Amino acid sequence: MISIRLQGKPTNLTIIQIYAPTTEAEESTIDDFYMDLQQILDDVPKKDAILIIGDWNAKVGETAVPGIVGKFGLGKRNEADDGKAQ
């Protein structure tokens, strides 16, 4: 996980690059990942725009979620996607 803060006008931008553990990872590893991400988010100034990019190791599947996921996904949604498509 890495982050960069870019100063700009009218707002600054914080970009966070992540690589999430897979669903096969130990629960403690997954918990540590989300705690680390939360720590980075807590340190971002409140007025910054935030962009989180990377590999969430989640499958959104082919079920459409209006306004979020279209109907052209592949496969089935996995448990790593729980909450990501919201």
N, C-alpha and C. Protein backbone atom coordinates (compact mmCIF):
# COMPACT_ATOMS: atom_id res chain seq x y z
N MET A 1 0.85 -1.16 0.00
CA MET A 1 0.00 0.00 0.00
C MET A 1 0.90 1.23 0.00
N ILE A 2 0.54 2.19 -0.83
CA ILE A 2 1.32 3.43 -0.91
C ILE A 2 0.35 4.56 -1.21
N SER A 3 0.69 5.76 -0.73
CA SER A 3 -0.16 6.91 -1.02
C SER A 3 0.70 8.09 -1.42
N ILE A 4 0.08 8.99 -2.17
CA ILE A 4 0.73 10.22 -2.60
C ILE A 4 -0.31 11.34 -2.51
N ARG A 5 0.14 12.51 -2.08
CA ARG A 5 -0.75 13.67 -2.00
C ARG A 5 -0.29 14.70 -3.02
N LEU A 6 -1.18 15.05 -3.93
CA LEU A 6 -0.88 16.02 -4.98
C LEU A 6 -1.60 17.33 -4.66
N GLN A 7 -0.85 18.41 -4.64
CA GLN A 7 -1.46 19.71 -4.38
C GLN A 7 -2.00 20.28 -5.68
N GLY A 8 -3.22 20.75 -5.63
CA GLY A 8 -3.85 21.27 -6.82
C GLY A 8 -4.90 22.31 -6.49
N LYS A 9 -5.50 22.86 -7.52
CA LYS A 9 -6.57 23.83 -7.35
C LYS A 9 -7.76 23.34 -8.16
N PRO A 10 -8.93 23.28 -7.66
CA PRO A 10 -9.38 23.89 -6.42
C PRO A 10 -9.18 23.02 -5.18
N THR A 11 -8.70 21.78 -5.35
CA THR A 11 -8.54 20.90 -4.19
C THR A 11 -7.29 20.05 -4.36
N ASN A 12 -6.81 19.52 -3.26
CA ASN A 12 -5.70 18.58 -3.30
C ASN A 12 -6.25 17.17 -3.52
N LEU A 13 -5.41 16.29 -4.02
CA LEU A 13 -5.82 14.92 -4.32
C LEU A 13 -4.88 13.94 -3.63
N THR A 14 -5.44 13.01 -2.88
CA THR A 14 -4.66 11.92 -2.30
C THR A 14 -5.00 10.65 -3.06
N ILE A 15 -3.98 9.99 -3.60
CA ILE A 15 -4.15 8.74 -4.32
C ILE A 15 -3.55 7.63 -3.47
N ILE A 16 -4.33 6.58 -3.25
CA ILE A 16 -3.89 5.43 -2.47
C ILE A 16 -3.90 4.22 -3.39
N GLN A 17 -2.75 3.58 -3.53
CA GLN A 17 -2.61 2.37 -4.36
C GLN A 17 -2.60 1.17 -3.41
N ILE A 18 -3.49 0.19 -3.64
CA ILE A 18 -3.59 -0.97 -2.75
C ILE A 18 -3.46 -2.27 -3.52
N TYR A 19 -3.12 -3.30 -2.79
CA TYR A 19 -3.21 -4.68 -3.28
C TYR A 19 -3.77 -5.49 -2.11
N ALA A 20 -5.05 -5.84 -2.20
CA ALA A 20 -5.74 -6.51 -1.10
C ALA A 20 -5.40 -7.99 -1.06
N PRO A 21 -5.38 -8.56 0.15
CA PRO A 21 -5.17 -10.01 0.24
C PRO A 21 -6.36 -10.76 -0.36
N THR A 22 -6.11 -11.98 -0.79
CA THR A 22 -7.19 -12.80 -1.35
C THR A 22 -8.05 -13.37 -0.24
N THR A 23 -9.17 -13.97 -0.62
CA THR A 23 -10.06 -14.57 0.38
C THR A 23 -9.41 -15.77 1.05
N GLU A 24 -8.34 -16.31 0.47
CA GLU A 24 -7.64 -17.43 1.09
C GLU A 24 -6.65 -16.99 2.17
N ALA A 25 -6.38 -15.69 2.27
CA ALA A 25 -5.44 -15.19 3.27
C ALA A 25 -6.02 -15.39 4.67
N GLU A 26 -5.13 -15.44 5.65
CA GLU A 26 -5.59 -15.57 7.03
C GLU A 26 -6.38 -14.32 7.41
N GLU A 27 -7.36 -14.52 8.28
CA GLU A 27 -8.23 -13.42 8.68
C GLU A 27 -7.42 -12.28 9.29
N SER A 28 -6.36 -12.60 10.02
CA SER A 28 -5.54 -11.55 10.63
C SER A 28 -4.84 -10.70 9.56
N THR A 29 -4.45 -11.32 8.45
CA THR A 29 -3.82 -10.59 7.35
C THR A 29 -4.82 -9.63 6.71
N ILE A 30 -6.05 -10.11 6.52
CA ILE A 30 -7.10 -9.27 5.94
C ILE A 30 -7.43 -8.12 6.89
N ASP A 31 -7.55 -8.42 8.19
CA ASP A 31 -7.82 -7.38 9.18
C ASP A 31 -6.71 -6.33 9.20
N ASP A 32 -5.45 -6.78 9.14
CA ASP A 32 -4.31 -5.85 9.13
C ASP A 32 -4.37 -4.95 7.90
N PHE A 33 -4.74 -5.52 6.75
CA PHE A 33 -4.85 -4.73 5.52
C PHE A 33 -5.84 -3.59 5.71
N TYR A 34 -7.04 -3.91 6.22
CA TYR A 34 -8.06 -2.88 6.38
C TYR A 34 -7.70 -1.88 7.48
N MET A 35 -7.00 -2.32 8.51
CA MET A 35 -6.54 -1.38 9.54
C MET A 35 -5.50 -0.42 8.96
N ASP A 36 -4.58 -0.94 8.13
CA ASP A 36 -3.59 -0.08 7.49
C ASP A 36 -4.25 0.93 6.56
N LEU A 37 -5.23 0.48 5.78
CA LEU A 37 -5.95 1.38 4.88
C LEU A 37 -6.68 2.45 5.68
N GLN A 38 -7.32 2.05 6.77
CA GLN A 38 -8.04 3.02 7.60
C GLN A 38 -7.09 4.05 8.19
N GLN A 39 -5.89 3.63 8.59
CA GLN A 39 -4.91 4.56 9.14
C GLN A 39 -4.51 5.60 8.09
N ILE A 40 -4.29 5.15 6.87
CA ILE A 40 -3.96 6.10 5.79
C ILE A 40 -5.12 7.07 5.57
N LEU A 41 -6.35 6.53 5.52
CA LEU A 41 -7.52 7.39 5.31
C LEU A 41 -7.70 8.39 6.44
N ASP A 42 -7.42 7.97 7.67
CA ASP A 42 -7.53 8.87 8.82
C ASP A 42 -6.54 10.03 8.73
N ASP A 43 -5.41 9.80 8.07
CA ASP A 43 -4.37 10.83 7.95
C ASP A 43 -4.58 11.78 6.78
N VAL A 44 -5.54 11.48 5.91
CA VAL A 44 -5.82 12.35 4.76
C VAL A 44 -6.60 13.57 5.24
N PRO A 45 -6.14 14.77 4.89
CA PRO A 45 -6.90 15.97 5.27
C PRO A 45 -8.34 15.89 4.76
N LYS A 46 -9.26 16.36 5.57
CA LYS A 46 -10.70 16.21 5.28
C LYS A 46 -11.14 16.85 3.97
N LYS A 47 -10.44 17.89 3.51
CA LYS A 47 -10.86 18.59 2.29
C LYS A 47 -10.28 17.97 1.02
N ASP A 48 -9.38 17.00 1.16
CA ASP A 48 -8.78 16.35 -0.02
C ASP A 48 -9.79 15.47 -0.74
N ALA A 49 -9.66 15.40 -2.05
CA ALA A 49 -10.35 14.36 -2.82
C ALA A 49 -9.50 13.10 -2.67
N ILE A 50 -10.15 11.95 -2.58
CA ILE A 50 -9.43 10.68 -2.37
C ILE A 50 -9.75 9.74 -3.52
N LEU A 51 -8.70 9.11 -4.05
CA LEU A 51 -8.84 8.12 -5.10
C LEU A 51 -8.11 6.86 -4.64
N ILE A 52 -8.85 5.77 -4.47
CA ILE A 52 -8.24 4.49 -4.09
C ILE A 52 -8.25 3.61 -5.32
N ILE A 53 -7.05 3.19 -5.73
CA ILE A 53 -6.92 2.36 -6.92
C ILE A 53 -6.14 1.10 -6.57
N GLY A 54 -6.31 0.06 -7.36
CA GLY A 54 -5.53 -1.14 -7.13
C GLY A 54 -6.33 -2.40 -7.34
N ASP A 55 -5.81 -3.47 -6.82
CA ASP A 55 -6.41 -4.79 -6.95
C ASP A 55 -7.05 -5.18 -5.62
N TRP A 56 -8.37 -5.18 -5.60
CA TRP A 56 -9.11 -5.55 -4.38
C TRP A 56 -9.26 -7.07 -4.27
N ASN A 57 -8.81 -7.81 -5.26
CA ASN A 57 -8.99 -9.26 -5.28
C ASN A 57 -10.45 -9.63 -5.04
N ALA A 58 -11.34 -8.88 -5.68
CA ALA A 58 -12.77 -9.12 -5.56
C ALA A 58 -13.36 -9.33 -6.95
N LYS A 59 -14.35 -10.17 -7.01
CA LYS A 59 -15.08 -10.40 -8.26
C LYS A 59 -16.48 -9.84 -8.08
N VAL A 60 -16.87 -8.93 -8.98
CA VAL A 60 -18.19 -8.33 -8.86
C VAL A 60 -19.26 -9.16 -9.54
N GLY A 61 -18.86 -10.12 -10.36
CA GLY A 61 -19.82 -11.01 -11.00
C GLY A 61 -20.62 -10.33 -12.09
N GLU A 62 -21.67 -11.02 -12.54
CA GLU A 62 -22.47 -10.50 -13.65
C GLU A 62 -23.78 -9.89 -13.21
N THR A 63 -24.02 -9.84 -11.91
CA THR A 63 -25.23 -9.22 -11.40
C THR A 63 -25.06 -7.71 -11.40
N ALA A 64 -25.96 -7.00 -12.07
CA ALA A 64 -25.87 -5.54 -12.14
C ALA A 64 -26.26 -4.92 -10.81
N VAL A 65 -25.54 -3.88 -10.44
CA VAL A 65 -25.88 -3.06 -9.28
C VAL A 65 -26.05 -1.65 -9.84
N PRO A 66 -27.30 -1.17 -9.93
CA PRO A 66 -27.56 0.11 -10.60
C PRO A 66 -26.66 1.24 -10.10
N GLY A 67 -26.05 1.93 -11.06
CA GLY A 67 -25.20 3.06 -10.74
C GLY A 67 -23.79 2.70 -10.31
N ILE A 68 -23.51 1.38 -10.19
CA ILE A 68 -22.19 0.96 -9.71
C ILE A 68 -21.54 -0.05 -10.64
N VAL A 69 -22.23 -1.16 -10.89
CA VAL A 69 -21.69 -2.24 -11.71
C VAL A 69 -22.67 -2.55 -12.82
N GLY A 70 -22.16 -2.60 -14.05
CA GLY A 70 -23.02 -2.92 -15.19
C GLY A 70 -23.29 -4.41 -15.30
N LYS A 71 -24.00 -4.80 -16.33
CA LYS A 71 -24.41 -6.19 -16.49
C LYS A 71 -23.39 -7.02 -17.27
N PHE A 72 -22.20 -6.49 -17.51
CA PHE A 72 -21.25 -7.18 -18.36
C PHE A 72 -20.07 -7.78 -17.60
N GLY A 73 -20.21 -7.98 -16.31
CA GLY A 73 -19.16 -8.66 -15.54
C GLY A 73 -19.14 -10.14 -15.87
N LEU A 74 -18.15 -10.83 -15.36
CA LEU A 74 -18.02 -12.26 -15.60
C LEU A 74 -18.02 -13.02 -14.28
N GLY A 75 -18.49 -14.24 -14.33
CA GLY A 75 -18.42 -15.12 -13.17
C GLY A 75 -19.39 -14.73 -12.07
N LYS A 76 -19.06 -15.18 -10.88
CA LYS A 76 -19.91 -14.95 -9.72
C LYS A 76 -19.18 -14.05 -8.74
N ARG A 77 -19.96 -13.28 -8.01
CA ARG A 77 -19.41 -12.39 -6.99
C ARG A 77 -18.80 -13.25 -5.88
N ASN A 78 -17.60 -12.88 -5.43
CA ASN A 78 -17.00 -13.61 -4.32
C ASN A 78 -17.16 -12.82 -3.03
N GLU A 79 -16.83 -13.45 -1.90
CA GLU A 79 -17.04 -12.79 -0.62
C GLU A 79 -16.15 -11.58 -0.45
N ALA A 80 -15.04 -11.49 -1.18
CA ALA A 80 -14.19 -10.30 -1.09
C ALA A 80 -14.90 -9.07 -1.63
N ASP A 81 -15.94 -9.26 -2.44
CA ASP A 81 -16.68 -8.13 -2.99
C ASP A 81 -17.74 -7.63 -2.04
N ASP A 82 -18.07 -8.35 -1.00
CA ASP A 82 -19.10 -7.90 -0.08
C ASP A 82 -18.80 -6.48 0.37
N GLY A 83 -19.65 -5.56 -0.01
CA GLY A 83 -19.48 -4.17 0.37
C GLY A 83 -18.67 -3.33 -0.59
N LYS A 84 -17.88 -3.92 -1.48
CA LYS A 84 -17.06 -3.13 -2.40
C LYS A 84 -17.92 -2.47 -3.47
N ALA A 85 -18.99 -3.12 -3.87
CA ALA A 85 -19.84 -2.59 -4.94
C ALA A 85 -20.94 -1.70 -4.36
N GLN A 86 -20.62 -0.99 -3.31
CA GLN A 86 -21.62 -0.10 -2.70
C GLN A 86 -21.09 1.30 -2.62
